[in-house]
Amino acid sequence: MENPFESGHIKNYVLLYVSIVVIMILFFIASTLFHDVAEVDKKVFNSEVNGGIPLHVEDKEKIEEFKPKFKLLEKSY
């Protein structure tokens, strides 16, 4: 194998590297120019603290009657 520095092929390697860098720069510029960023409205949350939603008697009974379909193991392996 020949040494590229001695045979003069180094300029081909440099041109290849420079062309790849130029192509990357062009793609970066194209992606930033044609990328439209839509403005996002700022969300405002209600900061008032209310007493919470009271549970009705029926809802409490449904929660107590809930039984899972699957039995969980007592130990995790």
Protein backbone atom coordinates (compact mmCIF):
# COMPACT_ATOMS: atom_id res chain seq x y z
CA MET A 1 0.00 0.00 0.00
CA GLU A 2 1.31 3.39 -0.95
CA ASN A 3 1.67 6.28 1.45
CA PRO A 4 -0.96 8.89 0.41
CA PHE A 5 1.30 11.71 1.60
CA GLU A 6 4.10 10.65 -0.74
CA SER A 7 1.98 9.69 -3.77
CA GLY A 8 -0.09 12.90 -3.82
CA HIS A 9 -3.43 11.24 -3.12
CA ILE A 10 -3.84 13.22 0.06
CA LYS A 11 -5.59 16.02 -1.79
CA ASN A 12 -8.34 13.55 -2.82
CA TYR A 13 -8.91 12.65 0.85
CA VAL A 14 -8.96 16.31 1.85
CA LEU A 15 -11.43 17.13 -0.94
CA LEU A 16 -13.66 14.25 0.14
CA TYR A 17 -13.62 15.43 3.76
CA VAL A 18 -14.30 19.05 2.79
CA SER A 19 -17.14 18.05 0.45
CA ILE A 20 -18.82 16.03 3.23
CA VAL A 21 -18.52 18.96 5.65
CA VAL A 22 -19.96 21.35 3.05
CA ILE A 23 -22.90 19.03 2.39
CA MET A 24 -23.58 18.79 6.15
CA ILE A 25 -23.50 22.59 6.45
CA LEU A 26 -25.89 22.97 3.49
CA PHE A 27 -28.35 20.49 5.00
CA PHE A 28 -28.18 22.33 8.32
CA ILE A 29 -28.87 25.67 6.67
CA ALA A 30 -31.73 24.22 4.60
CA SER A 31 -33.33 22.61 7.64
CA THR A 32 -33.18 25.83 9.67
CA LEU A 33 -34.52 28.01 6.85
CA PHE A 34 -37.51 25.85 5.96
CA HIS A 35 -38.44 24.82 9.50
CA ASP A 36 -41.39 26.94 10.65
CA VAL A 37 -41.85 26.91 14.40
CA ALA A 38 -45.44 27.50 15.45
CA GLU A 39 -45.95 29.59 18.57
CA VAL A 40 -47.44 27.66 21.46
CA ASP A 41 -50.01 29.32 23.68
CA LYS A 42 -49.06 29.45 27.34
CA LYS A 43 -51.31 27.30 29.48
CA VAL A 44 -52.82 28.90 32.55
CA PHE A 45 -53.93 26.62 35.34
CA ASN A 46 -56.51 27.39 37.98
CA SER A 47 -54.63 28.19 41.17
CA GLU A 48 -57.69 28.35 43.40
CA VAL A 49 -57.86 25.63 46.03
CA ASN A 50 -61.26 24.11 46.38
CA GLY A 51 -62.42 21.58 48.96
CA GLY A 52 -62.26 18.72 46.52
CA ILE A 53 -65.07 16.70 45.07
CA PRO A 54 -67.08 14.95 47.78
CA LEU A 55 -67.71 11.26 47.18
CA HIS A 56 -71.27 10.09 47.22
CA VAL A 57 -72.29 7.08 49.27
CA GLU A 58 -72.72 5.00 46.11
CA ASP A 59 -69.18 5.79 44.96
CA LYS A 60 -67.73 4.71 48.31
CA GLU A 61 -69.58 1.39 48.08
CA LYS A 62 -68.23 0.78 44.57
CA ILE A 63 -64.69 1.44 45.74
CA GLU A 64 -65.07 -0.97 48.67
CA GLU A 65 -66.61 -3.69 46.44
CA PHE A 66 -63.76 -3.56 43.92
CA LYS A 67 -61.88 -6.86 43.71
CA PRO A 68 -59.03 -7.36 41.24
CA LYS A 69 -59.23 -10.10 38.61
CA PHE A 70 -55.73 -11.35 39.37
CA LYS A 71 -54.26 -12.47 42.66
CA LEU A 72 -50.91 -10.86 43.37
CA LEU A 73 -48.03 -12.81 44.83
CA GLU A 74 -47.04 -12.12 48.41
CA LYS A 75 -43.35 -12.10 47.45
CA SER A 76 -41.84 -10.63 44.36
CA TYR A 77 -39.15 -12.70 42.68
